[in-house]
Protein backbone atom coordinates (compact mmCIF):
# COMPACT_ATOMS: atom_id res chain seq x y z
CA MET A 1 -0.11 0.13 -0.17
CA ARG A 2 1.63 3.32 -1.04
CA LEU A 3 -0.20 6.36 -0.36
CA PHE A 4 0.93 10.13 -1.42
CA LEU A 5 -1.06 12.83 0.81
CA THR A 6 -0.80 16.42 0.42
CA LEU A 7 -2.30 18.80 2.79
CA ILE A 8 -1.96 22.22 3.01
CA PHE A 9 -2.43 23.96 6.13
CA ILE A 10 -2.48 27.84 6.69
CA THR A 11 -1.42 28.25 10.40
CA VAL A 12 -1.71 31.75 12.23
CA VAL A 13 0.97 32.20 14.44
CA SER A 14 0.10 34.91 17.04
CA MET A 15 3.08 36.17 19.18
CA ALA A 16 3.48 37.97 22.74
CA LYS A 17 5.88 39.61 24.66
CA SER A 18 6.78 38.41 28.36
CA LEU A 19 7.59 40.67 31.02
CA TYR A 20 9.24 37.98 33.16
CA LEU A 21 12.87 36.32 32.66
CA SER A 22 13.12 32.94 31.37
CA MET A 23 15.52 29.81 31.72
CA LEU A 24 15.06 29.21 27.95
CA PRO A 25 18.18 28.28 26.09
CA LEU A 26 19.85 31.06 23.94
CA PRO A 27 18.57 31.94 20.55
CA LYS A 28 19.73 30.05 17.70
CA MET A 29 20.57 32.09 14.08
CA THR A 30 18.86 30.92 10.91
CA ILE A 31 20.22 32.52 7.64
CA ILE A 32 18.07 32.75 5.06
CA ASN A 33 19.59 33.37 1.42
CA LEU A 34 17.27 35.96 -0.46
CA GLU A 35 19.80 36.12 -3.53
CA THR A 36 18.61 35.01 -6.72
CA LYS A 37 22.02 34.53 -8.34
CA GLU A 38 24.44 31.55 -7.40
CA CYS A 39 27.70 32.59 -5.27
CA ASP A 40 31.20 30.95 -6.84
CA VAL A 41 34.44 30.53 -4.96
CA GLY A 42 35.28 34.29 -6.26
CA CYS A 43 32.08 35.33 -4.89
CA LEU A 44 32.28 34.32 -1.54
CA ASN A 45 35.85 35.29 -0.87
CA ASN A 46 34.67 38.65 -2.11
CA TYR A 47 32.18 38.75 0.82
CA LEU A 48 34.73 37.46 3.25
CA ASN A 49 36.95 40.14 2.01
CA ASN A 50 34.56 43.00 2.46
CA GLY A 51 33.49 41.69 5.87
CA GLN A 52 30.20 40.45 4.13
CA ILE A 53 29.55 37.57 6.83
CA PHE A 54 26.23 36.84 6.65
CA SER A 55 26.39 37.42 2.81
CA PHE A 56 29.02 34.76 2.86
CA LEU A 57 27.05 32.45 5.15
CA SER A 58 23.84 32.48 3.41
CA ASN A 59 25.53 31.98 -0.30
CA TYR A 60 27.63 28.92 1.45
CA LYS A 61 26.80 25.48 -0.07
CA LYS A 62 28.10 22.59 1.53
CA GLY A 63 30.26 20.47 -0.81
CA LEU A 64 31.17 22.87 -3.56
CA TYR A 65 34.13 25.19 -2.30
CA ASP A 66 37.37 24.44 -1.28
CA GLU A 67 38.71 23.27 1.94
CA ASN A 68 39.33 27.02 3.04
CA LEU A 69 36.07 28.11 2.46
CA THR A 70 34.73 25.41 4.44
CA LYS A 71 36.85 25.66 7.39
CA GLU A 72 35.59 29.40 7.24
CA TYR A 73 32.18 28.53 7.59
CA GLU A 74 32.43 26.16 10.26
CA THR A 75 34.07 28.53 12.53
CA LEU A 76 31.65 31.44 11.70
CA LYS A 77 28.70 28.94 12.01
CA ILE A 78 29.81 28.02 15.70
CA LYS A 79 30.66 32.03 16.59
CA PHE A 80 27.46 32.86 15.44
CA ASN A 81 25.59 30.04 16.99
CA ILE A 82 23.89 29.27 13.14
CA TYR A 83 21.33 26.59 12.95
CA GLU A 84 21.05 24.90 9.74
CA HIS A 85 17.37 24.15 9.30
CA LYS A 86 16.89 20.60 8.13
CA LYS A 87 13.39 19.67 6.02
CA VAL A 88 12.70 17.06 3.56
CA GLN A 89 10.24 18.00 1.38
CA ASN A 90 8.85 14.21 0.93
CA ILE A 91 8.74 12.41 3.99
CA LYS A 92 9.48 8.05 3.25
CA ILE A 93 8.71 5.69 6.11
CA ALA A 94 8.06 1.69 5.78
CA LEU A 95 6.28 -0.20 8.03
CA MET A 96 7.61 -3.74 8.25
CA VAL A 97 5.23 -6.21 10.18
CA PRO A 98 4.99 -10.22 10.52
CA LYS A 99 1.15 -9.90 9.60
CA ASN A 100 1.04 -13.56 10.34
CA VAL A 101 2.38 -13.00 14.07
CA ILE A 102 1.01 -9.74 15.24
CA GLY A 103 -2.94 -10.12 13.34
CA ARG A 104 -4.46 -6.59 14.21
CA TYR A 105 -1.79 -4.68 15.22
CA THR A 106 -1.02 -4.51 11.31
CA ILE A 107 -4.04 -2.42 10.98
CA SER A 108 -3.63 -0.11 14.35
CA THR A 109 -0.40 0.64 13.58
CA THR A 110 -0.89 1.30 9.89
CA ASN A 111 -3.40 3.69 11.02
CA THR A 112 -1.00 5.25 13.73
CA ILE A 113 1.48 6.26 11.51
CA LEU A 114 -0.87 7.51 8.92
CA SER A 115 -2.80 9.75 11.85
CA TYR A 116 0.82 11.24 12.77
CA LEU A 117 1.59 12.26 9.21
CA LEU A 118 -2.06 13.73 8.50
CA ALA A 119 -1.67 15.74 11.77
CA LYS A 120 1.34 17.05 10.62
CA GLY A 121 0.21 17.73 7.20
CA VAL A 122 3.15 16.85 5.09
CA ASN A 123 3.91 14.98 1.55
CA PHE A 124 5.04 11.44 2.49
CA ASP A 125 5.73 8.16 1.07
CA PHE A 126 4.19 5.45 3.32
CA GLU A 127 4.36 1.43 2.67
CA LEU A 128 3.81 -1.57 4.32
CA PHE A 129 5.95 -4.73 3.91
CA ASN A 130 4.92 -8.14 5.29
CA SER A 131 7.16 -10.70 6.23
CA ASN A 132 4.31 -12.88 7.10
CA ASP A 133 6.36 -14.58 9.86
CA GLU A 134 9.45 -14.09 12.26
CA THR A 135 11.85 -16.53 10.36
CA VAL A 136 15.13 -15.37 9.42
CA GLU A 137 15.01 -15.86 5.92
CA ASN A 138 11.46 -13.84 5.65
CA ILE A 139 12.72 -10.85 7.57
CA THR A 140 16.10 -11.04 5.80
CA ASN A 141 14.01 -10.89 2.54
CA THR A 142 11.86 -8.36 3.48
CA VAL A 143 14.70 -6.04 4.88
CA ARG A 144 16.20 -6.42 1.71
CA LYS A 145 13.04 -5.04 -0.60
CA ILE A 146 12.77 -2.04 1.86
CA GLU A 147 16.49 -1.10 1.28
CA GLU A 148 15.74 -1.97 -2.74
CA GLU A 149 12.81 0.58 -2.51
CA GLY A 150 14.87 3.61 -1.31
CA PHE A 151 13.47 3.50 2.40
CA HIS A 152 15.74 4.46 5.13
CA PHE A 153 13.34 4.48 8.11
CA VAL A 154 11.23 1.80 9.48
CA ILE A 155 8.61 1.08 12.07
CA ALA A 156 8.77 -2.56 12.97
CA PRO A 157 6.40 -4.05 15.52
CA TYR A 158 7.77 -7.47 16.07
CA THR A 159 8.20 -9.76 18.68
CA SER A 160 10.96 -10.64 21.14
CA LYS A 161 11.88 -13.63 18.80
CA GLY A 162 11.47 -11.38 15.50
CA VAL A 163 13.56 -8.92 16.88
CA THR A 164 16.55 -11.34 17.87
CA ASN A 165 16.34 -12.47 14.11
CA LEU A 166 16.34 -8.73 12.87
CA LEU A 167 19.12 -7.79 15.07
CA SER A 168 21.30 -10.46 13.09
CA ILE A 169 20.75 -8.88 9.72
CA ASP A 170 23.37 -6.32 8.51
CA THR A 171 21.72 -3.49 7.45
CA ASP A 172 22.10 0.21 8.17
CA LEU A 173 18.26 0.63 8.16
CA ILE A 174 17.05 2.98 11.11
CA PHE A 175 14.68 0.72 13.01
CA TYR A 176 12.21 1.88 15.63
CA ILE A 177 10.85 -1.15 17.53
CA PRO A 178 7.53 -0.24 19.58
CA THR A 179 7.23 -3.45 20.91
CA ILE A 180 9.99 -4.36 22.80
CA ASN A 181 12.04 -2.89 25.64
CA LYS A 182 15.73 -2.46 25.00
CA SER A 183 16.32 -4.34 28.30
CA ASP A 184 14.77 -7.66 26.54
CA ALA A 185 17.29 -7.30 23.64
CA ILE A 186 20.95 -8.00 23.85
CA THR A 187 22.33 -5.82 21.23
CA GLN A 188 24.71 -2.40 21.03
CA LYS A 189 23.68 -1.46 17.11
CA THR A 190 22.79 2.18 17.13
CA ASN A 191 20.22 2.05 14.26
CA PHE A 192 17.87 0.17 16.31
CA ILE A 193 15.18 2.67 18.88
CA PHE A 194 13.39 0.65 21.08
CA GLY A 195 9.73 1.94 22.18
CA GLY A 196 8.21 -0.89 24.47
CA ILE A 197 7.56 -0.06 27.98
CA ASP A 198 9.48 -1.37 31.24
CA TYR A 199 7.38 -3.99 32.94
CA LYS A 200 10.13 -4.28 35.68
CA LYS A 201 9.92 -0.50 36.49
CA GLN A 202 6.24 -1.03 36.76
CA ILE A 203 6.44 -3.81 39.49
CA GLU A 204 8.68 -1.77 41.14
CA LYS A 205 6.12 1.24 41.61
CA LEU A 206 3.39 -1.06 42.24
CA LEU A 207 5.32 -2.94 44.80
CA ILE A 208 5.60 0.38 46.90
CA PHE A 209 1.65 0.10 47.69
CA THR A 210 1.62 -3.79 48.72
CA ASN A 211 2.21 -5.35 52.16
CA ASP A 212 4.52 -8.01 52.76
CA LYS A 213 2.25 -10.72 51.97
CA ILE A 214 2.00 -11.25 48.07
CA ALA A 215 -0.12 -13.60 45.81
CA ILE A 216 0.28 -13.85 42.16
CA PHE A 217 -2.28 -14.90 39.35
CA SER A 218 -0.52 -15.54 35.99
CA ASP A 219 -1.48 -16.65 32.51
CA GLU A 220 0.72 -19.11 30.49
CA GLY A 221 2.15 -16.86 28.14
CA ASN A 222 5.97 -15.05 27.85
CA ILE A 223 4.23 -11.71 29.59
CA GLY A 224 2.89 -13.20 32.73
CA PHE A 225 5.99 -15.44 33.15
CA LYS A 226 8.02 -12.34 33.13
CA LEU A 227 6.07 -10.16 35.38
CA SER A 228 5.90 -13.09 37.73
CA SER A 229 9.77 -13.34 37.65
CA TYR A 230 10.17 -9.56 38.31
CA ILE A 231 7.90 -9.88 41.63
CA GLU A 232 9.38 -13.11 42.90
CA ASN A 233 12.78 -11.43 42.47
CA SER A 234 11.84 -8.84 44.87
CA ASP A 235 12.42 -8.76 48.50
CA LYS A 236 8.68 -9.47 49.27
CA LYS A 237 7.13 -12.77 50.54
CA ILE A 238 5.17 -14.90 48.12
CA VAL A 239 2.41 -16.80 50.17
CA TYR A 240 0.63 -18.17 46.85
CA LYS A 241 1.15 -18.48 42.68
CA LYS A 242 -1.09 -19.95 40.33
CA ILE A 243 -0.42 -20.21 36.69
CA ILE A 244 -3.88 -20.27 35.22
CA PRO A 245 -4.41 -21.90 31.84
CA GLN A 246 -5.86 -20.26 29.00
CA LYS A 247 -9.15 -21.67 28.49
CA LEU A 248 -10.10 -22.25 32.49
CA THR A 249 -13.00 -20.35 33.66
CA ARG A 250 -13.65 -22.38 36.58
CA PHE A 251 -11.81 -20.89 39.67
CA LYS A 252 -13.96 -22.66 42.43
CA PRO A 253 -11.24 -25.36 43.17
CA PHE A 254 -8.40 -23.26 43.90
CA LEU A 255 -10.20 -20.01 45.50
CA LYS A 256 -12.71 -21.60 47.89
CA GLU A 257 -11.18 -21.25 51.36
CA ASN A 258 -8.29 -20.31 50.10
CA LYS A 259 -6.63 -18.94 53.68
CA LYS A 260 -3.54 -17.61 51.61
CA LEU A 261 -5.39 -14.89 49.80
CA GLU A 262 -6.54 -13.42 52.75
CA ASN A 263 -4.97 -9.94 53.57
CA SER A 264 -2.65 -10.21 50.43
CA SER A 265 -1.52 -8.17 47.87
CA ILE A 266 -2.84 -10.01 44.86
CA PHE A 267 -0.77 -9.44 41.58
CA LEU A 268 -3.13 -10.23 38.26
CA ASN A 269 -0.68 -10.55 35.44
CA THR A 270 -3.89 -12.09 33.20
CA PRO A 271 -5.42 -10.49 30.40
CA LEU A 272 -8.13 -8.08 30.93
CA VAL A 273 -11.51 -10.91 31.12
CA LYS A 274 -9.41 -13.23 33.28
CA THR A 275 -8.58 -10.44 35.52
CA SER A 276 -12.08 -8.99 35.64
CA LEU A 277 -13.61 -12.62 36.52
CA LEU A 278 -10.95 -12.96 38.99
CA ALA A 279 -11.69 -9.60 40.61
CA SER A 280 -15.56 -10.34 40.82
CA GLN A 281 -14.68 -14.17 42.07
CA PHE A 282 -12.34 -13.06 45.33
CA ARG A 283 -15.51 -11.28 46.20
CA PHE A 284 -18.07 -14.43 45.68
CA TYR A 285 -15.84 -16.81 47.56
CA GLU A 286 -15.63 -13.81 50.55
CA ILE A 287 -11.83 -13.30 49.89
CA ALA A 288 -10.87 -10.22 51.49
CA PRO A 289 -7.47 -9.14 49.68
CA TYR A 290 -5.54 -6.27 50.96
CA ALA A 291 -5.30 -4.89 47.40
CA LEU A 292 -5.07 -5.80 43.71
CA PHE A 293 -2.65 -4.82 41.20
CA SER A 294 -1.56 -4.80 37.85
CA THR A 295 0.48 -3.36 35.11
CA GLN A 296 0.18 -1.63 31.88
CA ILE A 297 -2.09 -4.98 30.37
CA ASN A 298 -4.79 -4.38 32.29
CA TYR A 299 -5.27 -0.34 31.84
CA ASN A 300 -8.28 -0.69 29.44
CA PRO A 301 -11.56 1.07 29.79
CA LEU A 302 -13.48 -1.77 29.55
CA LEU A 303 -12.34 -2.94 33.23
CA LEU A 304 -14.72 -0.11 34.40
CA SER A 305 -17.60 -2.12 32.79
CA LEU A 306 -16.42 -5.60 32.94
CA THR A 307 -16.12 -5.22 36.90
CA GLN A 308 -18.09 -4.11 39.83
CA TYR A 309 -16.77 -1.16 41.52
CA ASP A 310 -16.83 -3.01 44.94
CA ASP A 311 -14.52 -5.52 42.65
CA ARG A 312 -12.11 -2.71 41.64
CA LYS A 313 -12.19 -0.43 44.52
CA ASP A 314 -8.83 -1.38 45.98
CA MET A 315 -7.07 -2.24 42.93
CA TYR A 316 -3.84 -0.48 41.50
CA ILE A 317 -2.69 -0.21 38.17
CA ALA A 318 0.47 0.97 36.65
CA ASN A 319 0.40 3.11 33.09
CA SER A 320 3.33 4.44 31.13
CA ILE A 321 0.82 6.09 28.31
CA GLY A 322 1.59 9.95 28.80
CA HIS A 323 -0.26 13.01 27.35
CA SER A 324 -1.59 13.13 23.35
CA ILE A 325 -2.46 16.23 21.58
CA ASP A 326 -6.19 16.77 20.72
CA LYS A 327 -5.49 16.86 17.13
CA LEU A 328 -3.82 13.54 16.85
CA VAL A 329 -6.26 11.67 19.16
CA ALA A 330 -9.08 13.24 16.99
CA ILE A 331 -7.46 12.10 13.57
CA ASN A 332 -6.95 8.81 15.27
CA LYS A 333 -10.43 8.43 16.25
CA LEU A 334 -11.69 8.88 12.69
CA LEU A 335 -9.41 6.17 11.71
CA ASP A 336 -10.87 3.98 14.32
CA ASN A 337 -7.73 3.94 16.29
CA ASN A 338 -6.93 4.52 19.90
CA ILE A 339 -3.70 6.05 21.23
CA LEU A 340 -4.94 6.86 24.78
CA PHE A 341 -5.29 3.33 26.24
CA ASP A 342 -3.20 1.14 23.59
CA TRP A 343 0.28 0.94 24.30
CA ILE A 344 1.72 -0.13 21.31
CA ASN A 345 -0.15 2.49 19.26
CA TYR A 346 1.18 4.97 21.69
CA SER A 347 4.72 3.88 21.52
CA THR A 348 4.28 3.71 17.70
CA SER A 349 3.13 7.31 17.65
CA ILE A 350 6.42 8.32 19.74
CA GLY A 351 8.24 6.41 17.12
CA ILE A 352 7.05 8.20 14.29
CA ASP A 353 7.31 11.75 16.10
CA TYR A 354 10.99 11.07 17.16
CA ILE A 355 11.85 10.27 13.72
CA TYR A 356 10.31 12.64 12.20
CA THR A 357 11.54 15.64 13.92
CA LEU A 358 15.35 14.18 14.24
CA TYR A 359 15.61 13.19 10.37
CA PHE A 360 12.88 14.79 8.36
CA ASP A 361 11.93 18.49 9.91
CA SER A 362 14.09 19.88 12.97
CA TYR A 363 11.81 23.00 13.23
CA SER A 364 8.78 20.79 14.22
CA LYS A 365 7.72 20.61 17.66
CA ARG A 366 7.10 17.03 18.73
CA PHE A 367 3.81 16.04 20.02
CA PHE A 368 5.33 13.94 22.92
CA ASP A 369 7.38 14.59 25.88
CA GLU A 370 9.32 11.33 26.23
CA ASN A 371 12.60 11.45 25.72
CA ILE A 372 14.95 8.70 23.84
CA LEU A 373 18.20 7.75 26.36
CA ASN A 374 20.73 5.12 25.11
CA ASN A 375 18.07 3.99 22.26
CA GLN A 376 15.23 3.24 24.31
CA VAL A 377 11.80 5.52 24.91
CA GLN A 378 11.75 7.05 28.73
CA TYR A 379 8.27 6.48 30.03
CA ASN A 380 7.00 8.39 33.05
CA ILE A 381 4.76 5.50 35.56
CA LYS A 382 1.84 6.80 36.82
CA ILE A 383 -0.02 4.80 39.31
CA LEU A 384 -3.79 4.63 38.76
CA LYS A 385 -6.81 3.56 40.75
CA PRO A 386 -10.20 2.49 38.76
CA THR A 387 -12.75 4.56 40.22
CA LYS A 388 -16.53 4.43 39.46
CA SER A 389 -16.29 6.17 36.07
CA ALA A 390 -12.60 6.57 35.13
CA PHE A 391 -9.07 5.84 36.08
CA LYS A 392 -7.52 8.36 38.94
CA GLU A 393 -3.82 8.77 39.65
CA VAL A 394 -2.66 7.69 42.78
CA ILE A 395 -0.15 10.66 44.03
CA ILE A 396 3.32 9.13 45.85
CA LEU A 397 4.45 11.24 48.22
CA ASP A 398 6.94 9.02 49.68
CA GLN A 399 9.11 6.60 48.08
């Protein structure tokens, strides 16, 4: 799928004077060339000899002149703190997916990228490349096709297995991986940027609110296993642990008269539906836990409708999804897409925002506040409680 869209936006910018001192960084200077004629080496030397520094700077073009002129240009650029505005007229972004593995995220990730580019109102060339699965052979073939098509920037929502195979390929393409945290990928490659959330840090934040009696419910998936290991490696006492098979919905055998769960901090490392069922069954079997805890996997508005308020009133949820501008949220909604609660879509938005402002338009203001440190998105973590109609942040006063 290749899309060429041209949007023209008329922006009215209003400016106001400030009466207060600011901690903003010193301004940078941009030189704009208003001349219509080309300036050769002799012309540039004349500007320098006559002291017409800014005429020299505005007419200089990289790669066209001798070494002395280049050195002079670089020296003056530093002296006057000149900023070279980088703006590419046509944006080229590739989306690489293992469609048979990630399923619905093929469409939602596509819509996330399109929503961002539409919000920026730019010309763009966007193409979807499908490797079908995550085998080394198919991933390699897809990467080579992307290179042949002239793309340099790739967003690739792969699982840990796919990322491992992707890292084994020799390529200069710049990849943004919205699904995996860098801590789960053993690599020193600088052309890979990771946007996965840090579940370990979310668990650490949640443990602040627990007592010393921990119970764990997990499913059979990799995420459940990983979350459980983070909890078990803490200094808390684990009094009960249960792995629930995917198709199991009858909880009576391990909940009825289970005294170990009384006054315990119960971690629900389970998908939304199973989490909702467990929360209701605790009350049904008259189990009174200290509190319930979960990570990003259960930050979902459906939790408010799938559970009774009494089932979730003592529940804490870790969330790394931050603020999104209204314009971007609205365009995503038009494409039936969600970046307010779906963390992979949110991570993808951060990735395209980072790539666009760093490589395509350095004047453009970023839509997101998250920084990228050592090739990993740095997320803020908030602890929320699901109230009767919304998620409310819990303020941590002492840690």
